[in-house]
Amino acid sequence: MARLSPKLIALLLLCGAIAGVAGMALISLLHLIQQVVYGISRVDGITFRNIVEQTSATHRLLALSGCGVIAGTGWFLLHRYASKLVDIKQAISNNAPSIPLSTTVIHALLQILTVGMGSPLGRETAPREISSAIADYISRRLAISAEERKTLLSCSAAAGLAAVFDVPLAGALFALETLLFSFQRNHVIAALICCTTAAWVARLGLGSVPAYQLPAFTLNSSLLIWALLFGPVIVAGSWLLQRQLAYCKPANRSNPRLIFISMAAFILIGAMAMWLPEILGNGKAGNELLFNDSIGWRYALALLIGKWLALLLATRGGAYGGFITPSMMLGGLIALLATTAWNSVLPSVPLVAAVITGATVFLAIQQKMPLTAILFVLEITNIAPDFIMPVSLCLLTALPCQQALNKQ
């Protein structure tokens, strides 16, 4: 375990500040791209969901068609002519390859550009990659130890997540649970230093408002029973999505044929978005409808099918992006459908509470980060901690099912 020397603490503060600036800049760029592509100024109270819903169906189709051209051409050229991409888990492994800074920056900007145009993937991977690439560049110039480098890169990647979602505690837990696999004291302190710095810096430009405003709801015994029974359903959905995503990933990203596959994939996404505009973007549009109980089961079913297919098509087209918010949207939609069926014959389950539970557990299972998922949802919603009870009960049955499937 790396010692928390004054030098390492200074580097954690520096890289946290860099992650905050990167997150602030990338989100500002994302909003600018959305305004330019869809022709609607983004002012206070106007979200991406409002923007895409106000544009015509033809406009959405054309925007996604252009997105397919940029995604296919951009990533083809990157894989064909640039240095090989290195993700954070490779960079902190025993072999410790360096992260190519220029390639990573271009890769991240392509993600922001395509998500801004409507790609159904998440936005959080780009700031994580840029933050860890800059941290790697600094660490190699200063010749710090391998363990210090691993700590710095892991915390910097998590700081990128903390910056774009304003989740300092969840960001720190992400570093500990998914990258460092350690809760030793020095690692905890290092993650908190880097992630709180990043979130504070990002707040200077982005402000500090919860991503979702939830209506009041109460928990009841029916919800707790429902949560216990719902765990295997979430695992089955997550397992199916993972299998399908793995099948859809292009085998050869440097083949020019990928450009045309990407164009076709995003045209199909655009065609679906003519009737289902909320499938566009990282999934926040769908979550806004779900968390405010503004959607019926029929439209929820259509959104589930549309968003699911959109994720598979974007992956087949060679696009990159995160899966945090898309996972929440899928989990919330599955939970809404399951709760609607339950409430038709059994004692009523509060719908919003069930949706929040489904979104959190699907995120936990899909991203393999149960502790981070709970704290993440707490921070982006400011929900009462009572919701941890149904989530924990759902995970109680979901995690063993996940382990059983992984052993097959």
Protein backbone atom coordinates (compact mmCIF):
# COMPACT_ATOMS: atom_id res chain seq x y z
CA MET A 1 0.00 0.00 0.00
CA ALA A 2 1.32 3.44 -0.95
CA ARG A 3 2.41 5.68 1.91
CA LEU A 4 0.60 9.01 2.07
CA SER A 5 3.71 11.12 1.67
CA PRO A 6 3.42 14.90 1.25
CA LYS A 7 4.37 14.39 -2.40
CA LEU A 8 1.53 11.91 -3.01
CA ILE A 9 -0.99 14.10 -1.19
CA ALA A 10 0.04 17.06 -3.34
CA LEU A 11 -0.37 14.94 -6.47
CA LEU A 12 -3.81 13.76 -5.33
CA LEU A 13 -4.89 17.37 -4.82
CA LEU A 14 -3.46 18.37 -8.20
CA CYS A 15 -5.04 15.48 -10.09
CA GLY A 16 -8.33 16.02 -8.29
CA ALA A 17 -8.35 19.65 -9.42
CA ILE A 18 -7.47 18.57 -12.97
CA ALA A 19 -10.34 16.04 -12.93
CA GLY A 20 -12.70 18.77 -11.74
CA VAL A 21 -11.65 21.12 -14.55
CA ALA A 22 -11.88 18.28 -17.09
CA GLY A 23 -15.34 17.31 -15.89
CA MET A 24 -16.51 20.91 -15.95
CA ALA A 25 -15.13 21.48 -19.45
CA LEU A 26 -16.54 18.25 -20.89
CA ILE A 27 -20.05 18.79 -19.50
CA SER A 28 -20.04 22.39 -20.77
CA LEU A 29 -18.95 21.10 -24.18
CA LEU A 30 -21.68 18.44 -24.07
CA HIS A 31 -24.35 21.07 -23.43
CA LEU A 32 -23.00 23.25 -26.24
CA ILE A 33 -23.11 20.34 -28.70
CA GLN A 34 -26.71 19.58 -27.71
CA GLN A 35 -27.71 23.19 -28.35
CA VAL A 36 -25.97 23.34 -31.72
CA VAL A 37 -27.26 19.98 -32.98
CA TYR A 38 -30.86 20.42 -31.86
CA GLY A 39 -31.08 24.21 -32.28
CA ILE A 40 -32.54 24.93 -28.85
CA SER A 41 -30.76 27.09 -26.27
CA ARG A 42 -30.14 25.32 -22.98
CA VAL A 43 -31.20 27.59 -20.13
CA ASP A 44 -32.06 26.91 -16.49
CA GLY A 45 -34.79 24.29 -16.24
CA ILE A 46 -34.32 23.02 -19.80
CA THR A 47 -32.93 19.48 -19.88
CA PHE A 48 -31.84 17.33 -22.81
CA ARG A 49 -35.21 15.56 -22.59
CA ASN A 50 -36.97 18.88 -23.15
CA ILE A 51 -34.66 19.66 -26.06
CA VAL A 52 -35.19 16.43 -27.99
CA GLU A 53 -38.92 16.37 -27.30
CA GLN A 54 -39.29 19.87 -28.77
CA THR A 55 -37.50 19.02 -32.02
CA SER A 56 -39.24 17.33 -34.92
CA ALA A 57 -39.02 13.60 -35.54
CA THR A 58 -37.13 14.27 -38.79
CA HIS A 59 -34.63 16.46 -36.94
CA ARG A 60 -33.89 13.62 -34.51
CA LEU A 61 -33.40 11.17 -37.39
CA LEU A 62 -30.97 13.53 -39.14
CA ALA A 63 -29.06 14.23 -35.91
CA LEU A 64 -28.54 10.51 -35.26
CA SER A 65 -27.59 9.90 -38.89
CA GLY A 66 -24.85 12.50 -38.52
CA CYS A 67 -23.85 10.93 -35.22
CA GLY A 68 -23.35 7.60 -36.98
CA VAL A 69 -21.03 9.17 -39.56
CA ILE A 70 -18.93 10.84 -36.86
CA ALA A 71 -18.84 7.77 -34.61
CA GLY A 72 -17.94 5.35 -37.37
CA THR A 73 -15.34 7.56 -39.05
CA GLY A 74 -13.85 8.89 -35.82
CA TRP A 75 -13.29 5.58 -34.09
CA PHE A 76 -12.18 3.87 -37.29
CA LEU A 77 -9.46 6.48 -37.79
CA LEU A 78 -8.50 6.35 -34.12
CA HIS A 79 -8.08 2.58 -34.09
CA ARG A 80 -6.42 2.52 -37.50
CA TYR A 81 -3.81 5.25 -37.05
CA ALA A 82 -3.49 6.26 -33.37
CA SER A 83 -1.75 4.56 -30.46
CA LYS A 84 -3.58 1.65 -28.88
CA LEU A 85 -6.10 2.66 -26.23
CA VAL A 86 -5.34 1.59 -22.67
CA ASP A 87 -8.14 1.57 -20.13
CA ILE A 88 -7.66 2.29 -16.45
CA LYS A 89 -7.75 -1.34 -15.33
CA GLN A 90 -4.97 -2.21 -17.77
CA ALA A 91 -2.95 0.82 -16.68
CA ILE A 92 -2.98 -0.18 -13.00
CA SER A 93 -2.26 -3.86 -13.66
CA ASN A 94 1.08 -5.54 -12.96
CA ASN A 95 2.35 -4.89 -16.51
CA ALA A 96 1.33 -1.21 -16.13
CA PRO A 97 1.32 0.03 -19.75
CA SER A 98 1.29 3.80 -20.13
CA ILE A 99 -1.90 5.58 -21.21
CA PRO A 100 -1.44 7.45 -24.54
CA LEU A 101 -2.49 10.99 -23.69
CA SER A 102 -3.37 12.38 -27.12
CA THR A 103 -5.23 9.24 -28.21
CA THR A 104 -7.20 9.17 -24.97
CA VAL A 105 -8.17 12.84 -25.25
CA ILE A 106 -9.46 12.35 -28.82
CA HIS A 107 -11.27 9.18 -27.72
CA ALA A 108 -12.96 11.06 -24.86
CA LEU A 109 -13.94 14.01 -27.05
CA LEU A 110 -15.55 11.60 -29.54
CA GLN A 111 -17.64 10.18 -26.70
CA ILE A 112 -18.80 13.63 -25.61
CA LEU A 113 -19.55 14.64 -29.20
CA THR A 114 -21.61 11.54 -29.96
CA VAL A 115 -23.50 11.57 -26.63
CA GLY A 116 -24.26 15.25 -27.20
CA MET A 117 -25.69 14.36 -30.60
CA GLY A 118 -27.88 11.67 -29.07
CA SER A 119 -25.86 8.48 -28.68
CA PRO A 120 -27.65 6.32 -26.07
CA LEU A 121 -24.46 5.66 -24.08
CA GLY A 122 -23.26 7.44 -20.94
CA ARG A 123 -21.05 10.49 -20.57
CA GLU A 124 -19.03 9.52 -17.48
CA THR A 125 -16.31 7.44 -19.14
CA ALA A 126 -14.75 10.41 -20.96
CA PRO A 127 -13.75 12.46 -17.88
CA ARG A 128 -12.53 9.32 -16.13
CA GLU A 129 -10.27 8.50 -19.07
CA ILE A 130 -8.87 12.01 -19.48
CA SER A 131 -8.26 12.37 -15.74
CA SER A 132 -6.40 9.06 -15.49
CA ALA A 133 -4.38 9.78 -18.67
CA ILE A 134 -3.18 13.12 -17.30
CA ALA A 135 -2.42 11.50 -13.93
CA ASP A 136 -0.41 8.81 -15.73
CA TYR A 137 1.54 11.46 -17.67
CA ILE A 138 2.36 13.29 -14.42
CA SER A 139 3.29 10.11 -12.54
CA ARG A 140 5.74 8.99 -15.20
CA ARG A 141 7.42 12.39 -15.34
CA LEU A 142 7.88 12.41 -11.57
CA ALA A 143 9.00 8.77 -11.37
CA ILE A 144 6.83 7.78 -8.41
CA SER A 145 6.62 4.17 -7.22
CA ALA A 146 4.37 1.61 -8.88
CA GLU A 147 2.04 1.49 -5.87
CA GLU A 148 1.80 5.27 -5.70
CA ARG A 149 1.05 5.37 -9.43
CA LYS A 150 -1.70 2.77 -9.04
CA THR A 151 -3.28 4.78 -6.22
CA LEU A 152 -3.00 8.06 -8.12
CA LEU A 153 -4.48 6.70 -11.36
CA SER A 154 -7.35 4.90 -9.60
CA CYS A 155 -8.27 7.97 -7.57
CA SER A 156 -7.98 10.25 -10.62
CA ALA A 157 -10.30 8.05 -12.67
CA ALA A 158 -12.83 8.04 -9.82
CA ALA A 159 -12.42 11.81 -9.48
CA GLY A 160 -13.63 12.19 -13.07
CA LEU A 161 -16.81 10.38 -12.08
CA ALA A 162 -17.15 12.52 -8.94
CA ALA A 163 -16.79 15.71 -10.98
CA VAL A 164 -19.42 15.08 -13.68
CA PHE A 165 -22.09 13.75 -11.31
CA ASP A 166 -21.15 15.79 -8.21
CA VAL A 167 -20.79 12.61 -6.14
CA PRO A 168 -17.58 12.94 -4.08
CA LEU A 169 -18.36 10.09 -1.70
CA ALA A 170 -19.61 7.70 -4.39
CA GLY A 171 -16.58 8.60 -6.49
CA ALA A 172 -14.24 7.70 -3.65
CA LEU A 173 -16.11 4.45 -3.03
CA PHE A 174 -15.91 3.66 -6.76
CA ALA A 175 -12.11 3.85 -6.58
CA LEU A 176 -12.01 1.57 -3.54
CA GLU A 177 -14.61 -0.97 -4.67
CA THR A 178 -13.89 -1.36 -8.38
CA LEU A 179 -10.29 -0.25 -9.00
CA LEU A 180 -8.16 -0.60 -5.88
CA PHE A 181 -10.21 -3.46 -4.35
CA SER A 182 -9.07 -2.17 -1.00
CA PHE A 183 -10.53 -0.31 1.98
CA GLN A 184 -7.25 0.23 3.78
CA ARG A 185 -6.94 3.54 5.58
CA ASN A 186 -4.45 5.18 3.23
CA HIS A 187 -6.47 4.21 0.17
CA VAL A 188 -9.66 5.60 1.73
CA ILE A 189 -7.95 8.89 2.57
CA ALA A 190 -6.36 9.14 -0.89
CA ALA A 191 -9.69 8.54 -2.65
CA LEU A 192 -11.49 11.09 -0.50
CA ILE A 193 -8.80 13.74 -1.08
CA CYS A 194 -8.88 13.35 -4.86
CA CYS A 195 -12.64 12.96 -5.33
CA THR A 196 -13.75 15.73 -2.97
CA THR A 197 -11.29 18.11 -4.63
CA ALA A 198 -12.63 17.20 -8.08
CA ALA A 199 -16.27 17.63 -7.05
CA TRP A 200 -15.56 20.98 -5.37
CA VAL A 201 -13.72 22.34 -8.42
CA ALA A 202 -16.46 21.15 -10.80
CA ARG A 203 -19.12 22.81 -8.66
CA LEU A 204 -17.48 26.18 -9.31
CA GLY A 205 -18.57 25.97 -12.94
CA LEU A 206 -21.50 23.53 -12.90
CA GLY A 207 -23.17 24.38 -9.61
CA SER A 208 -24.48 21.91 -7.06
CA VAL A 209 -28.05 20.75 -7.67
CA PRO A 210 -29.25 17.13 -7.31
CA ALA A 211 -29.62 15.51 -10.72
CA TYR A 212 -33.13 14.31 -9.88
CA GLN A 213 -35.89 15.80 -7.76
CA LEU A 214 -38.02 13.01 -6.31
CA PRO A 215 -41.60 13.24 -5.08
CA ALA A 216 -42.32 12.17 -1.52
CA PHE A 217 -43.12 8.49 -1.04
CA THR A 218 -43.38 6.01 1.80
CA LEU A 219 -42.16 2.46 2.22
CA ASN A 220 -44.44 -0.43 3.15
CA SER A 221 -44.16 -4.15 3.78
CA SER A 222 -45.35 -4.97 0.26
CA LEU A 223 -42.35 -3.13 -1.15
CA LEU A 224 -39.96 -5.16 0.99
CA ILE A 225 -41.48 -8.46 -0.13
CA TRP A 226 -41.48 -7.24 -3.74
CA ALA A 227 -37.80 -6.25 -3.46
CA LEU A 228 -36.81 -9.71 -2.24
CA LEU A 229 -38.59 -11.39 -5.13
CA PHE A 230 -37.40 -8.85 -7.70
CA GLY A 231 -33.66 -9.55 -7.26
CA PRO A 232 -33.48 -12.54 -9.65
CA VAL A 233 -35.45 -10.60 -12.28
CA ILE A 234 -32.85 -7.82 -12.27
CA VAL A 235 -30.01 -10.33 -12.51
CA ALA A 236 -31.64 -12.09 -15.47
CA GLY A 237 -32.01 -8.76 -17.30
CA SER A 238 -28.45 -7.71 -16.55
CA TRP A 239 -27.03 -11.08 -17.58
CA LEU A 240 -28.93 -10.99 -20.88
CA LEU A 241 -27.77 -7.44 -21.63
CA GLN A 242 -24.14 -8.28 -20.89
CA ARG A 243 -24.25 -11.31 -23.17
CA GLN A 244 -25.82 -9.32 -25.99
CA LEU A 245 -23.40 -6.40 -25.59
CA ALA A 246 -20.43 -8.78 -25.72
CA TYR A 247 -21.83 -10.32 -28.90
CA CYS A 248 -22.37 -6.90 -30.51
CA LYS A 249 -18.88 -5.51 -29.90
CA PRO A 250 -16.99 -5.22 -33.21
CA ALA A 251 -14.25 -7.79 -33.62
CA ASN A 252 -12.10 -5.51 -35.78
CA ARG A 253 -12.45 -1.78 -35.16
CA SER A 254 -9.82 -0.84 -37.74
CA ASN A 255 -11.88 -2.23 -40.64
CA PRO A 256 -13.39 0.59 -42.78
CA ARG A 257 -16.61 -1.43 -42.98
CA LEU A 258 -17.26 -0.25 -39.44
CA ILE A 259 -18.06 3.24 -40.79
CA PHE A 260 -21.03 1.93 -42.75
CA ILE A 261 -22.16 -0.34 -39.91
CA SER A 262 -22.09 2.66 -37.59
CA MET A 263 -24.10 4.77 -40.03
CA ALA A 264 -26.74 2.06 -40.38
CA ALA A 265 -26.88 1.46 -36.61
CA PHE A 266 -27.41 5.12 -35.74
CA ILE A 267 -29.96 5.62 -38.52
CA LEU A 268 -31.98 2.83 -36.89
CA ILE A 269 -31.59 4.51 -33.50
CA GLY A 270 -32.75 7.77 -35.06
CA ALA A 271 -35.74 6.02 -36.59
CA MET A 272 -36.76 4.67 -33.18
CA ALA A 273 -36.23 8.12 -31.65
CA MET A 274 -38.82 9.57 -34.03
CA TRP A 275 -41.42 7.96 -31.72
CA LEU A 276 -39.30 7.48 -28.57
CA PRO A 277 -37.19 10.63 -28.08
CA GLU A 278 -36.25 9.65 -24.50
CA ILE A 279 -34.02 6.81 -25.73
CA LEU A 280 -31.52 9.45 -26.88
CA GLY A 281 -28.72 10.59 -24.61
CA ASN A 282 -27.29 8.85 -21.59
CA GLY A 283 -30.62 7.81 -20.05
CA LYS A 284 -31.35 10.82 -17.83
CA ALA A 285 -34.37 11.65 -19.99
CA GLY A 286 -35.98 8.32 -19.17
CA ASN A 287 -35.03 8.55 -15.50
CA GLU A 288 -36.71 11.95 -15.22
CA LEU A 289 -39.98 10.41 -16.38
CA LEU A 290 -39.59 7.39 -14.14
CA PHE A 291 -38.57 9.17 -10.95
CA ASN A 292 -41.45 11.64 -11.23
CA ASP A 293 -44.08 8.97 -11.94
CA SER A 294 -44.79 10.59 -15.31
CA ILE A 295 -45.00 7.48 -17.46
CA GLY A 296 -47.47 4.64 -17.94
CA TRP A 297 -46.62 0.97 -18.36
CA ARG A 298 -47.27 0.91 -22.13
CA TYR A 299 -44.83 3.71 -22.90
CA ALA A 300 -42.41 2.23 -20.35
CA LEU A 301 -42.43 -1.06 -22.26
CA ALA A 302 -41.78 0.76 -25.53
CA LEU A 303 -38.93 2.74 -23.93
CA LEU A 304 -37.39 -0.41 -22.47
CA ILE A 305 -37.34 -2.13 -25.86
CA GLY A 306 -36.15 1.03 -27.62
CA LYS A 307 -33.37 1.88 -25.16
CA TRP A 308 -32.21 -1.73 -24.99
CA LEU A 309 -32.00 -1.98 -28.79
CA ALA A 310 -30.36 1.45 -29.01
CA LEU A 311 -27.56 0.35 -26.65
CA LEU A 312 -26.98 -2.81 -28.69
CA LEU A 313 -26.98 -0.87 -31.98
CA ALA A 314 -24.58 1.80 -30.69
CA THR A 315 -22.23 -0.93 -29.43
CA ARG A 316 -22.42 -2.75 -32.77
CA GLY A 317 -21.64 0.54 -34.52
CA GLY A 318 -18.38 0.81 -32.59
CA ALA A 319 -19.40 3.69 -30.31
CA TYR A 320 -17.99 4.08 -26.81
CA GLY A 321 -19.54 5.50 -23.67
CA GLY A 322 -20.56 4.77 -20.12
CA PHE A 323 -23.34 2.57 -18.76
CA ILE A 324 -24.14 4.12 -15.38
CA THR A 325 -27.20 6.20 -16.33
CA PRO A 326 -28.36 3.80 -19.09
CA SER A 327 -28.28 0.98 -16.51
CA MET A 328 -30.42 3.03 -14.13
CA MET A 329 -32.94 3.72 -16.87
CA LEU A 330 -33.24 0.06 -17.84
CA GLY A 331 -33.53 -1.06 -14.22
CA GLY A 332 -36.17 1.57 -13.49
CA LEU A 333 -38.22 0.58 -16.54
CA ILE A 334 -38.11 -3.12 -15.64
CA ALA A 335 -39.13 -2.26 -12.09
CA LEU A 336 -42.06 -0.13 -13.29
CA LEU A 337 -43.39 -2.97 -15.44
CA ALA A 338 -42.94 -5.53 -12.67
CA THR A 339 -44.62 -3.27 -10.11
CA THR A 340 -47.55 -2.54 -12.39
CA ALA A 341 -48.15 -6.26 -12.79
CA TRP A 342 -47.76 -6.81 -9.03
CA ASN A 343 -50.15 -3.99 -8.10
CA SER A 344 -52.87 -5.38 -10.35
CA VAL A 345 -53.30 -8.48 -8.16
CA LEU A 346 -51.41 -7.96 -4.88
CA PRO A 347 -51.20 -5.31 -2.12
CA SER A 348 -49.91 -2.10 -3.63
CA VAL A 349 -46.19 -1.29 -3.86
CA PRO A 350 -45.27 2.45 -4.05
CA LEU A 351 -44.25 2.90 -7.68
CA VAL A 352 -41.51 5.52 -7.34
CA ALA A 353 -39.85 3.61 -4.49
CA ALA A 354 -39.88 0.45 -6.62
CA VAL A 355 -38.45 2.31 -9.62
CA ILE A 356 -35.60 3.75 -7.51
CA THR A 357 -34.90 0.28 -6.12
CA GLY A 358 -34.82 -1.27 -9.59
CA ALA A 359 -32.60 1.47 -11.01
CA THR A 360 -30.11 1.14 -8.13
CA VAL A 361 -29.92 -2.64 -8.14
CA PHE A 362 -29.61 -2.92 -11.93
CA LEU A 363 -26.74 -0.41 -11.75
CA ALA A 364 -25.14 -2.38 -8.92
CA ILE A 365 -25.34 -5.70 -10.77
CA GLN A 366 -24.49 -4.40 -14.24
CA GLN A 367 -21.41 -2.45 -13.09
CA LYS A 368 -20.44 -4.87 -10.28
CA MET A 369 -20.42 -2.12 -7.64
CA PRO A 370 -23.23 -2.65 -5.08
CA LEU A 371 -21.89 -0.28 -2.41
CA THR A 372 -21.06 2.47 -4.90
CA ALA A 373 -24.46 2.18 -6.56
CA ILE A 374 -26.32 2.80 -3.29
CA LEU A 375 -24.21 5.82 -2.34
CA PHE A 376 -24.32 7.14 -5.92
CA VAL A 377 -28.12 7.20 -5.98
CA LEU A 378 -28.20 8.77 -2.52
CA GLU A 379 -25.98 11.62 -3.72
CA ILE A 380 -27.67 12.34 -7.06
CA THR A 381 -31.18 12.37 -5.59
CA ASN A 382 -30.79 13.38 -1.93
CA ILE A 383 -33.30 10.64 -1.24
CA ALA A 384 -33.99 9.62 2.37
CA PRO A 385 -31.69 6.80 3.54
CA ASP A 386 -34.80 4.64 4.15
CA PHE A 387 -34.54 3.51 0.54
CA ILE A 388 -31.46 1.47 1.46
CA MET A 389 -33.71 -1.15 3.06
CA PRO A 390 -35.54 -2.33 -0.11
CA VAL A 391 -32.32 -2.02 -2.12
CA SER A 392 -30.46 -4.19 0.39
CA LEU A 393 -33.22 -6.80 0.37
CA CYS A 394 -33.20 -6.84 -3.42
CA LEU A 395 -29.43 -7.26 -3.46
CA LEU A 396 -29.79 -10.06 -0.90
CA THR A 397 -31.39 -12.25 -3.55
CA ALA A 398 -29.72 -10.67 -6.59
CA LEU A 399 -26.07 -11.12 -5.63
CA PRO A 400 -26.24 -14.92 -5.06
CA CYS A 401 -28.04 -15.29 -8.40
CA GLN A 402 -25.32 -13.23 -10.07
CA GLN A 403 -22.60 -15.40 -8.53
CA ALA A 404 -24.39 -18.56 -9.66
CA LEU A 405 -24.61 -17.28 -13.25
CA ASN A 406 -20.95 -16.24 -13.25
CA LYS A 407 -19.90 -19.76 -12.29
CA GLN A 408 -21.56 -21.28 -15.36
